[in-house]
All heavy atoms as atom14 arrays in JSON, in Angstrom:
{
  "sequence": "VKGRFTISRDNARTVHLQMNSLKPEDTAVYYCKYAGGLSNNWGQG",
  "atom14_mask": [
    [1, 1, 1, 1, 1, 1, 1, 0, 0, 0, 0, 0, 0, 0],
    [1, 1, 1, 1, 1, 1, 1, 1, 1, 0, 0, 0, 0, 0],
    [1, 1, 1, 1, 0, 0, 0, 0, 0, 0, 0, 0, 0, 0],
    [1, 1, 1, 1, 1, 1, 1, 1, 1, 1, 1, 0, 0, 0],
    [1, 1, 1, 1, 1, 1, 1, 1, 1, 1, 1, 0, 0, 0],
    [1, 1, 1, 1, 1, 1, 1, 0, 0, 0, 0, 0, 0, 0],
    [1, 1, 1, 1, 1, 1, 1, 1, 0, 0, 0, 0, 0, 0],
    [1, 1, 1, 1, 1, 1, 0, 0, 0, 0, 0, 0, 0, 0],
    [1, 1, 1, 1, 1, 1, 1, 1, 1, 1, 1, 0, 0, 0],
    [1, 1, 1, 1, 1, 1, 1, 1, 0, 0, 0, 0, 0, 0],
    [1, 1, 1, 1, 1, 1, 1, 1, 0, 0, 0, 0, 0, 0],
    [1, 1, 1, 1, 1, 0, 0, 0, 0, 0, 0, 0, 0, 0],
    [1, 1, 1, 1, 1, 1, 1, 1, 1, 1, 1, 0, 0, 0],
    [1, 1, 1, 1, 1, 1, 1, 0, 0, 0, 0, 0, 0, 0],
    [1, 1, 1, 1, 1, 1, 1, 0, 0, 0, 0, 0, 0, 0],
    [1, 1, 1, 1, 1, 1, 1, 1, 1, 1, 0, 0, 0, 0],
    [1, 1, 1, 1, 1, 1, 1, 1, 0, 0, 0, 0, 0, 0],
    [1, 1, 1, 1, 1, 1, 1, 1, 1, 0, 0, 0, 0, 0],
    [1, 1, 1, 1, 1, 1, 1, 1, 0, 0, 0, 0, 0, 0],
    [1, 1, 1, 1, 1, 1, 1, 1, 0, 0, 0, 0, 0, 0],
    [1, 1, 1, 1, 1, 1, 0, 0, 0, 0, 0, 0, 0, 0],
    [1, 1, 1, 1, 1, 1, 1, 1, 0, 0, 0, 0, 0, 0],
    [1, 1, 1, 1, 1, 1, 1, 1, 1, 0, 0, 0, 0, 0],
    [1, 1, 1, 1, 1, 1, 1, 0, 0, 0, 0, 0, 0, 0],
    [1, 1, 1, 1, 1, 1, 1, 1, 1, 0, 0, 0, 0, 0],
    [1, 1, 1, 1, 1, 1, 1, 1, 0, 0, 0, 0, 0, 0],
    [1, 1, 1, 1, 1, 1, 1, 0, 0, 0, 0, 0, 0, 0],
    [1, 1, 1, 1, 1, 0, 0, 0, 0, 0, 0, 0, 0, 0],
    [1, 1, 1, 1, 1, 1, 1, 0, 0, 0, 0, 0, 0, 0],
    [1, 1, 1, 1, 1, 1, 1, 1, 1, 1, 1, 1, 0, 0],
    [1, 1, 1, 1, 1, 1, 1, 1, 1, 1, 1, 1, 0, 0],
    [1, 1, 1, 1, 1, 1, 0, 0, 0, 0, 0, 0, 0, 0],
    [1, 1, 1, 1, 1, 1, 1, 1, 1, 0, 0, 0, 0, 0],
    [1, 1, 1, 1, 1, 1, 1, 1, 1, 1, 1, 1, 0, 0],
    [1, 1, 1, 1, 1, 0, 0, 0, 0, 0, 0, 0, 0, 0],
    [1, 1, 1, 1, 0, 0, 0, 0, 0, 0, 0, 0, 0, 0],
    [1, 1, 1, 1, 0, 0, 0, 0, 0, 0, 0, 0, 0, 0],
    [1, 1, 1, 1, 1, 1, 1, 1, 0, 0, 0, 0, 0, 0],
    [1, 1, 1, 1, 1, 1, 0, 0, 0, 0, 0, 0, 0, 0],
    [1, 1, 1, 1, 1, 1, 1, 1, 0, 0, 0, 0, 0, 0],
    [1, 1, 1, 1, 1, 1, 1, 1, 0, 0, 0, 0, 0, 0],
    [1, 1, 1, 1, 1, 1, 1, 1, 1, 1, 1, 1, 1, 1],
    [1, 1, 1, 1, 0, 0, 0, 0, 0, 0, 0, 0, 0, 0],
    [1, 1, 1, 1, 1, 1, 1, 1, 1, 0, 0, 0, 0, 0],
    [1, 1, 1, 1, 0, 0, 0, 0, 0, 0, 0, 0, 0, 0]
  ],
  "atom14_positions": [
    [[-47.52, -23.55, 89.81], [-46.53, -22.59, 90.3], [-46.23, -22.74, 91.79], [-45.37, -22.04, 92.31], [-46.94, -21.13, 90.0], [-47.25, -20.96, 88.52], [-48.11, -20.69, 90.86], [0.0, 0.0, 0.0], [0.0, 0.0, 0.0], [0.0, 0.0, 0.0], [0.0, 0.0, 0.0], [0.0, 0.0, 0.0], [0.0, 0.0, 0.0], [0.0, 0.0, 0.0]],
    [[-46.94, -23.62, 92.46], [-46.74, -23.8, 93.89], [-45.29, -24.2, 94.18], [-44.74, -25.07, 93.5], [-47.68, -24.86, 94.45], [-49.09, -24.38, 94.67], [-50.0, -25.48, 95.22], [-51.42, -24.98, 95.39], [-52.34, -26.07, 95.82], [0.0, 0.0, 0.0], [0.0, 0.0, 0.0], [0.0, 0.0, 0.0], [0.0, 0.0, 0.0], [0.0, 0.0, 0.0]],
    [[-44.7, -23.55, 95.18], [-43.32, -23.83, 95.52], [-42.31, -23.04, 94.72], [-41.12, -23.04, 95.06], [0.0, 0.0, 0.0], [0.0, 0.0, 0.0], [0.0, 0.0, 0.0], [0.0, 0.0, 0.0], [0.0, 0.0, 0.0], [0.0, 0.0, 0.0], [0.0, 0.0, 0.0], [0.0, 0.0, 0.0], [0.0, 0.0, 0.0], [0.0, 0.0, 0.0]],
    [[-42.76, -22.39, 93.64], [-41.84, -21.6, 92.81], [-42.18, -20.11, 92.84], [-41.29, -19.27, 92.77], [-41.88, -22.09, 91.36], [-41.5, -23.53, 91.17], [-41.37, -23.89, 89.7], [-42.62, -23.76, 88.97], [-42.76, -22.98, 87.89], [-41.75, -22.3, 87.42], [-43.93, -22.92, 87.27], [0.0, 0.0, 0.0], [0.0, 0.0, 0.0], [0.0, 0.0, 0.0]],
    [[-43.45, -19.78, 92.91], [-43.89, -18.39, 92.89], [-44.42, -18.0, 94.27], [-45.03, -18.82, 94.97], [-45.02, -18.19, 91.87], [-44.61, -18.32, 90.43], [-43.37, -18.82, 90.04], [-45.51, -17.96, 89.42], [-43.02, -18.95, 88.71], [-45.18, -18.08, 88.09], [-43.93, -18.58, 87.73], [0.0, 0.0, 0.0], [0.0, 0.0, 0.0], [0.0, 0.0, 0.0]],
    [[-44.23, -16.74, 94.61], [-44.76, -16.21, 95.87], [-45.42, -14.87, 95.61], [-44.81, -13.96, 95.03], [-43.65, -16.03, 96.91], [-42.97, -17.27, 97.12], [-44.23, -15.54, 98.24], [0.0, 0.0, 0.0], [0.0, 0.0, 0.0], [0.0, 0.0, 0.0], [0.0, 0.0, 0.0], [0.0, 0.0, 0.0], [0.0, 0.0, 0.0], [0.0, 0.0, 0.0]],
    [[-46.66, -14.74, 96.05], [-47.39, -13.48, 95.92], [-47.36, -12.77, 97.27], [-47.44, -13.42, 98.33], [-48.83, -13.7, 95.42], [-49.48, -12.37, 95.03], [-49.67, -14.47, 96.44], [-50.8, -12.53, 94.28], [0.0, 0.0, 0.0], [0.0, 0.0, 0.0], [0.0, 0.0, 0.0], [0.0, 0.0, 0.0], [0.0, 0.0, 0.0], [0.0, 0.0, 0.0]],
    [[-47.24, -11.45, 97.23], [-47.2, -10.68, 98.48], [-47.78, -9.3, 98.25], [-47.87, -8.83, 97.11], [-45.75, -10.57, 98.99], [-44.95, -9.87, 98.05], [0.0, 0.0, 0.0], [0.0, 0.0, 0.0], [0.0, 0.0, 0.0], [0.0, 0.0, 0.0], [0.0, 0.0, 0.0], [0.0, 0.0, 0.0], [0.0, 0.0, 0.0], [0.0, 0.0, 0.0]],
    [[-48.18, -8.67, 99.33], [-48.7, -7.29, 99.26], [-47.88, -6.43, 100.21], [-47.78, -6.72, 101.4], [-50.18, -7.25, 99.66], [-51.1, -7.83, 98.62], [-52.56, -7.78, 99.02], [-53.18, -6.5, 98.67], [-54.48, -6.35, 98.46], [-55.28, -7.39, 98.55], [-54.98, -5.15, 98.19], [0.0, 0.0, 0.0], [0.0, 0.0, 0.0], [0.0, 0.0, 0.0]],
    [[-47.3, -5.35, 99.67], [-46.59, -4.38, 100.51], [-47.57, -3.6, 101.36], [-47.32, -3.29, 102.5], [-45.84, -3.38, 99.63], [-44.5, -3.93, 99.19], [-44.12, -5.0, 99.68], [-43.86, -3.27, 98.35], [0.0, 0.0, 0.0], [0.0, 0.0, 0.0], [0.0, 0.0, 0.0], [0.0, 0.0, 0.0], [0.0, 0.0, 0.0], [0.0, 0.0, 0.0]],
    [[-48.67, -3.24, 100.74], [-49.68, -2.42, 101.38], [-50.99, -2.68, 100.64], [-51.08, -3.6, 99.83], [-49.28, -0.94, 101.32], [-48.89, -0.5, 99.93], [-49.66, -0.69, 98.99], [-47.71, 0.06, 99.79], [0.0, 0.0, 0.0], [0.0, 0.0, 0.0], [0.0, 0.0, 0.0], [0.0, 0.0, 0.0], [0.0, 0.0, 0.0], [0.0, 0.0, 0.0]],
    [[-51.97, -1.85, 100.87], [-53.27, -2.1, 100.25], [-53.23, -1.97, 98.73], [-54.08, -2.51, 98.04], [-54.31, -1.14, 100.82], [0.0, 0.0, 0.0], [0.0, 0.0, 0.0], [0.0, 0.0, 0.0], [0.0, 0.0, 0.0], [0.0, 0.0, 0.0], [0.0, 0.0, 0.0], [0.0, 0.0, 0.0], [0.0, 0.0, 0.0], [0.0, 0.0, 0.0]],
    [[-52.22, -1.25, 98.2], [-52.26, -0.92, 96.78], [-51.16, -1.57, 95.94], [-51.15, -1.41, 94.73], [-52.18, 0.61, 96.61], [-53.4, 1.32, 97.17], [-53.37, 2.81, 96.88], [-54.59, 3.45, 97.37], [-55.71, 3.54, 96.66], [-55.75, 3.06, 95.42], [-56.79, 4.11, 97.17], [0.0, 0.0, 0.0], [0.0, 0.0, 0.0], [0.0, 0.0, 0.0]],
    [[-50.25, -2.28, 96.55], [-49.12, -2.84, 95.81], [-49.03, -4.34, 96.04], [-48.98, -4.8, 97.18], [-47.8, -2.18, 96.25], [-47.91, -0.77, 96.1], [-46.65, -2.68, 95.39], [0.0, 0.0, 0.0], [0.0, 0.0, 0.0], [0.0, 0.0, 0.0], [0.0, 0.0, 0.0], [0.0, 0.0, 0.0], [0.0, 0.0, 0.0], [0.0, 0.0, 0.0]],
    [[-48.97, -5.07, 94.93], [-48.84, -6.52, 95.01], [-47.66, -6.95, 94.14], [-47.39, -6.37, 93.09], [-50.14, -7.23, 94.58], [-50.47, -6.95, 93.13], [-50.07, -8.72, 94.83], [0.0, 0.0, 0.0], [0.0, 0.0, 0.0], [0.0, 0.0, 0.0], [0.0, 0.0, 0.0], [0.0, 0.0, 0.0], [0.0, 0.0, 0.0], [0.0, 0.0, 0.0]],
    [[-46.93, -7.95, 94.62], [-45.77, -8.47, 93.91], [-45.94, -9.95, 93.63], [-46.63, -10.66, 94.37], [-44.49, -8.29, 94.75], [-44.23, -6.88, 95.18], [-43.78, -5.91, 94.31], [-44.36, -6.29, 96.4], [-43.64, -4.78, 94.98], [-43.98, -4.98, 96.23], [0.0, 0.0, 0.0], [0.0, 0.0, 0.0], [0.0, 0.0, 0.0], [0.0, 0.0, 0.0]],
    [[-45.27, -10.4, 92.58], [-45.21, -11.83, 92.3], [-43.73, -12.18, 92.09], [-43.13, -11.79, 91.08], [-46.01, -12.19, 91.05], [-46.08, -13.68, 90.74], [-46.9, -14.43, 91.81], [-46.66, -13.94, 89.35], [0.0, 0.0, 0.0], [0.0, 0.0, 0.0], [0.0, 0.0, 0.0], [0.0, 0.0, 0.0], [0.0, 0.0, 0.0], [0.0, 0.0, 0.0]],
    [[-43.16, -12.87, 93.06], [-41.78, -13.33, 92.95], [-41.8, -14.68, 92.25], [-42.42, -15.62, 92.75], [-41.12, -13.45, 94.32], [-39.7, -13.97, 94.29], [-38.73, -13.01, 93.61], [-38.79, -11.81, 93.83], [-37.84, -13.56, 92.79], [0.0, 0.0, 0.0], [0.0, 0.0, 0.0], [0.0, 0.0, 0.0], [0.0, 0.0, 0.0], [0.0, 0.0, 0.0]],
    [[-41.14, -14.76, 91.1], [-41.15, -15.98, 90.3], [-39.74, -16.56, 90.26], [-38.82, -15.92, 89.72], [-41.64, -15.68, 88.88], [-43.0, -15.0, 88.85], [-43.66, -14.8, 87.19], [-42.51, -13.61, 86.51], [0.0, 0.0, 0.0], [0.0, 0.0, 0.0], [0.0, 0.0, 0.0], [0.0, 0.0, 0.0], [0.0, 0.0, 0.0], [0.0, 0.0, 0.0]],
    [[-39.57, -17.72, 90.85], [-38.27, -18.4, 90.88], [-38.35, -19.7, 90.09], [-39.45, -20.19, 89.81], [-37.86, -18.7, 92.32], [-37.68, -17.45, 93.16], [-37.28, -16.4, 92.66], [-37.98, -17.56, 94.45], [0.0, 0.0, 0.0], [0.0, 0.0, 0.0], [0.0, 0.0, 0.0], [0.0, 0.0, 0.0], [0.0, 0.0, 0.0], [0.0, 0.0, 0.0]],
    [[-37.19, -20.24, 89.76], [-37.12, -21.51, 89.02], [-38.03, -21.48, 87.79], [-38.81, -22.4, 87.54], [-37.51, -22.69, 89.92], [-36.68, -22.75, 91.06], [0.0, 0.0, 0.0], [0.0, 0.0, 0.0], [0.0, 0.0, 0.0], [0.0, 0.0, 0.0], [0.0, 0.0, 0.0], [0.0, 0.0, 0.0], [0.0, 0.0, 0.0], [0.0, 0.0, 0.0]],
    [[-37.93, -20.41, 87.04], [-38.81, -20.23, 85.88], [-38.56, -21.29, 84.82], [-37.42, -21.74, 84.6], [-38.63, -18.84, 85.3], [-39.36, -17.73, 86.09], [-38.78, -16.37, 85.78], [-40.84, -17.79, 85.77], [0.0, 0.0, 0.0], [0.0, 0.0, 0.0], [0.0, 0.0, 0.0], [0.0, 0.0, 0.0], [0.0, 0.0, 0.0], [0.0, 0.0, 0.0]],
    [[-39.65, -21.68, 84.16], [-39.62, -22.69, 83.11], [-40.11, -22.06, 81.8], [-40.89, -21.1, 81.83], [-40.53, -23.86, 83.47], [-40.23, -24.5, 84.81], [-41.26, -25.57, 85.14], [-41.0, -26.21, 86.49], [-42.01, -27.24, 86.83], [0.0, 0.0, 0.0], [0.0, 0.0, 0.0], [0.0, 0.0, 0.0], [0.0, 0.0, 0.0], [0.0, 0.0, 0.0]],
    [[-39.72, -22.63, 80.66], [-40.22, -22.1, 79.39], [-41.75, -22.06, 79.32], [-42.32, -21.15, 78.71], [-39.64, -23.07, 78.36], [-38.38, -23.54, 78.99], [-38.69, -23.66, 80.45], [0.0, 0.0, 0.0], [0.0, 0.0, 0.0], [0.0, 0.0, 0.0], [0.0, 0.0, 0.0], [0.0, 0.0, 0.0], [0.0, 0.0, 0.0], [0.0, 0.0, 0.0]],
    [[-42.41, -23.0, 79.97], [-43.87, -23.01, 79.94], [-44.5, -21.9, 80.79], [-45.73, -21.73, 80.77], [-44.42, -24.37, 80.39], [-43.87, -24.88, 81.7], [-42.72, -25.86, 81.5], [-41.83, -25.6, 80.65], [-42.7, -26.88, 82.23], [0.0, 0.0, 0.0], [0.0, 0.0, 0.0], [0.0, 0.0, 0.0], [0.0, 0.0, 0.0], [0.0, 0.0, 0.0]],
    [[-43.69, -21.14, 81.51], [-44.2, -19.97, 82.22], [-44.3, -18.75, 81.29], [-44.81, -17.7, 81.7], [-43.29, -19.61, 83.4], [-43.3, -20.67, 84.48], [-44.39, -21.19, 84.8], [-42.21, -20.99, 85.01], [0.0, 0.0, 0.0], [0.0, 0.0, 0.0], [0.0, 0.0, 0.0], [0.0, 0.0, 0.0], [0.0, 0.0, 0.0], [0.0, 0.0, 0.0]],
    [[-43.79, -18.88, 80.08], [-43.84, -17.79, 79.13], [-45.29, -17.42, 78.82], [-46.1, -18.27, 78.46], [-43.12, -18.17, 77.82], [-41.73, -18.36, 78.11], [-43.28, -17.09, 76.77], [0.0, 0.0, 0.0], [0.0, 0.0, 0.0], [0.0, 0.0, 0.0], [0.0, 0.0, 0.0], [0.0, 0.0, 0.0], [0.0, 0.0, 0.0], [0.0, 0.0, 0.0]],
    [[-45.62, -16.13, 78.99], [-46.99, -15.66, 78.77], [-47.03, -14.16, 79.02], [-46.04, -13.57, 79.47], [-47.96, -16.35, 79.71], [0.0, 0.0, 0.0], [0.0, 0.0, 0.0], [0.0, 0.0, 0.0], [0.0, 0.0, 0.0], [0.0, 0.0, 0.0], [0.0, 0.0, 0.0], [0.0, 0.0, 0.0], [0.0, 0.0, 0.0], [0.0, 0.0, 0.0]],
    [[-48.17, -13.57, 78.73], [-48.44, -12.21, 79.18], [-49.1, -12.32, 80.55], [-50.08, -13.05, 80.72], [-49.35, -11.44, 78.21], [-49.65, -10.04, 78.75], [-48.7, -11.35, 76.83], [0.0, 0.0, 0.0], [0.0, 0.0, 0.0], [0.0, 0.0, 0.0], [0.0, 0.0, 0.0], [0.0, 0.0, 0.0], [0.0, 0.0, 0.0], [0.0, 0.0, 0.0]],
    [[-48.55, -11.61, 81.51], [-49.05, -11.66, 82.88], [-49.86, -10.39, 83.16], [-49.41, -9.27, 82.9], [-47.89, -11.77, 83.86], [-47.32, -13.17, 83.92], [-46.62, -13.69, 82.84], [-47.5, -13.98, 85.03], [-46.11, -14.98, 82.86], [-46.99, -15.27, 85.09], [-46.29, -15.76, 83.99], [-45.79, -17.04, 84.02], [0.0, 0.0, 0.0], [0.0, 0.0, 0.0]],
    [[-51.06, -10.59, 83.71], [-51.98, -9.49, 83.99], [-52.25, -9.41, 85.49], [-52.49, -10.43, 86.15], [-53.31, -9.7, 83.28], [-53.23, -9.66, 81.78], [-52.99, -10.82, 81.04], [-53.41, -8.47, 81.08], [-52.93, -10.8, 79.66], [-53.36, -8.44, 79.7], [-53.11, -9.6, 79.0], [-53.04, -9.57, 77.62], [0.0, 0.0, 0.0], [0.0, 0.0, 0.0]],
    [[-52.27, -8.2, 85.98], [-52.68, -7.95, 87.36], [-54.19, -7.71, 87.37], [-54.74, -7.09, 86.46], [-51.95, -6.71, 87.88], [-52.35, -6.26, 89.59], [0.0, 0.0, 0.0], [0.0, 0.0, 0.0], [0.0, 0.0, 0.0], [0.0, 0.0, 0.0], [0.0, 0.0, 0.0], [0.0, 0.0, 0.0], [0.0, 0.0, 0.0], [0.0, 0.0, 0.0]],
    [[-54.84, -8.22, 88.41], [-56.29, -8.06, 88.53], [-56.65, -7.6, 89.92], [-56.08, -8.06, 90.91], [-57.0, -9.38, 88.24], [-58.52, -9.32, 88.38], [-59.15, -10.68, 88.22], [-60.65, -10.61, 88.48], [-61.29, -11.95, 88.41], [0.0, 0.0, 0.0], [0.0, 0.0, 0.0], [0.0, 0.0, 0.0], [0.0, 0.0, 0.0], [0.0, 0.0, 0.0]],
    [[-57.61, -6.68, 89.99], [-58.22, -6.26, 91.24], [-59.68, -6.69, 91.23], [-60.38, -6.5, 90.24], [-58.14, -4.74, 91.38], [-59.08, -4.18, 92.43], [-58.7, -4.11, 93.76], [-60.36, -3.73, 92.08], [-59.57, -3.61, 94.72], [-61.22, -3.23, 93.03], [-60.82, -3.17, 94.35], [-61.68, -2.68, 95.31], [0.0, 0.0, 0.0], [0.0, 0.0, 0.0]],
    [[-60.12, -7.27, 92.34], [-61.52, -7.65, 92.49], [-62.02, -7.13, 93.84], [-61.46, -7.45, 94.89], [-61.68, -9.15, 92.42], [0.0, 0.0, 0.0], [0.0, 0.0, 0.0], [0.0, 0.0, 0.0], [0.0, 0.0, 0.0], [0.0, 0.0, 0.0], [0.0, 0.0, 0.0], [0.0, 0.0, 0.0], [0.0, 0.0, 0.0], [0.0, 0.0, 0.0]],
    [[-63.08, -6.31, 93.77], [-63.66, -5.78, 94.99], [-65.15, -5.53, 94.78], [-65.51, -4.8, 93.86], [0.0, 0.0, 0.0], [0.0, 0.0, 0.0], [0.0, 0.0, 0.0], [0.0, 0.0, 0.0], [0.0, 0.0, 0.0], [0.0, 0.0, 0.0], [0.0, 0.0, 0.0], [0.0, 0.0, 0.0], [0.0, 0.0, 0.0], [0.0, 0.0, 0.0]],
    [[-65.99, -6.12, 95.59], [-67.43, -6.0, 95.39], [-67.81, -6.57, 94.04], [-67.47, -7.72, 93.73], [0.0, 0.0, 0.0], [0.0, 0.0, 0.0], [0.0, 0.0, 0.0], [0.0, 0.0, 0.0], [0.0, 0.0, 0.0], [0.0, 0.0, 0.0], [0.0, 0.0, 0.0], [0.0, 0.0, 0.0], [0.0, 0.0, 0.0], [0.0, 0.0, 0.0]],
    [[-68.47, -5.78, 93.21], [-68.85, -6.23, 91.87], [-67.83, -5.81, 90.81], [-68.01, -6.09, 89.64], [-70.22, -5.64, 91.5], [-71.38, -6.06, 92.41], [-72.68, -5.38, 91.97], [-71.56, -7.58, 92.39], [0.0, 0.0, 0.0], [0.0, 0.0, 0.0], [0.0, 0.0, 0.0], [0.0, 0.0, 0.0], [0.0, 0.0, 0.0], [0.0, 0.0, 0.0]],
    [[-66.75, -5.2, 91.23], [-65.77, -4.66, 90.28], [-64.64, -5.66, 90.02], [-64.15, -6.31, 90.93], [-65.15, -3.37, 90.82], [-66.12, -2.36, 90.95], [0.0, 0.0, 0.0], [0.0, 0.0, 0.0], [0.0, 0.0, 0.0], [0.0, 0.0, 0.0], [0.0, 0.0, 0.0], [0.0, 0.0, 0.0], [0.0, 0.0, 0.0], [0.0, 0.0, 0.0]],
    [[-64.26, -5.73, 88.74], [-63.07, -6.47, 88.33], [-62.3, -5.57, 87.38], [-62.84, -5.14, 86.36], [-63.43, -7.77, 87.61], [-63.98, -8.81, 88.56], [-63.27, -9.39, 89.36], [-65.27, -9.04, 88.47], [0.0, 0.0, 0.0], [0.0, 0.0, 0.0], [0.0, 0.0, 0.0], [0.0, 0.0, 0.0], [0.0, 0.0, 0.0], [0.0, 0.0, 0.0]],
    [[-61.06, -5.27, 87.72], [-60.25, -4.39, 86.88], [-58.94, -5.09, 86.54], [-58.38, -5.81, 87.37], [-59.98, -3.06, 87.59], [-61.24, -2.33, 87.94], [-61.67, -2.34, 89.09], [-61.85, -1.7, 86.96], [0.0, 0.0, 0.0], [0.0, 0.0, 0.0], [0.0, 0.0, 0.0], [0.0, 0.0, 0.0], [0.0, 0.0, 0.0], [0.0, 0.0, 0.0]],
    [[-58.46, -4.83, 85.32], [-57.25, -5.48, 84.82], [-56.19, -4.45, 84.45], [-56.51, -3.36, 83.99], [-57.57, -6.3, 83.58], [-58.48, -7.44, 83.83], [-59.84, -7.44, 83.76], [-58.11, -8.78, 84.19], [-60.33, -8.69, 84.05], [-59.29, -9.54, 84.32], [-56.88, -9.43, 84.42], [-59.29, -10.89, 84.67], [-56.88, -10.77, 84.75], [-58.06, -11.49, 84.88]],
    [[-54.94, -4.85, 84.62], [-53.84, -4.06, 84.12], [-53.65, -4.33, 82.63], [-54.36, -5.13, 82.03], [0.0, 0.0, 0.0], [0.0, 0.0, 0.0], [0.0, 0.0, 0.0], [0.0, 0.0, 0.0], [0.0, 0.0, 0.0], [0.0, 0.0, 0.0], [0.0, 0.0, 0.0], [0.0, 0.0, 0.0], [0.0, 0.0, 0.0], [0.0, 0.0, 0.0]],
    [[-52.65, -3.67, 82.05], [-52.42, -3.76, 80.61], [-51.62, -5.0, 80.23], [-51.56, -5.36, 79.06], [-51.7, -2.5, 80.1], [-50.2, -2.47, 80.35], [-49.81, -2.15, 81.79], [-50.67, -1.93, 82.65], [-48.52, -2.1, 82.06], [0.0, 0.0, 0.0], [0.0, 0.0, 0.0], [0.0, 0.0, 0.0], [0.0, 0.0, 0.0], [0.0, 0.0, 0.0]],
    [[-51.01, -5.65, 81.19], [-50.24, -6.86, 80.95], [-48.76, -6.59, 80.78], [-48.36, -5.52, 80.3], [0.0, 0.0, 0.0], [0.0, 0.0, 0.0], [0.0, 0.0, 0.0], [0.0, 0.0, 0.0], [0.0, 0.0, 0.0], [0.0, 0.0, 0.0], [0.0, 0.0, 0.0], [0.0, 0.0, 0.0], [0.0, 0.0, 0.0], [0.0, 0.0, 0.0]]
  ]
}
């Protein structure tokens, strides 16, 4: 995804993924993940 996708954070709690030049092989369920200390939490996708 290098050169096509850009990840950014507005603030401590919001993260974005800008996806450009999308390809059919990018088709998937995308999950957000938080990792802090020993914790790993996932979104619903």
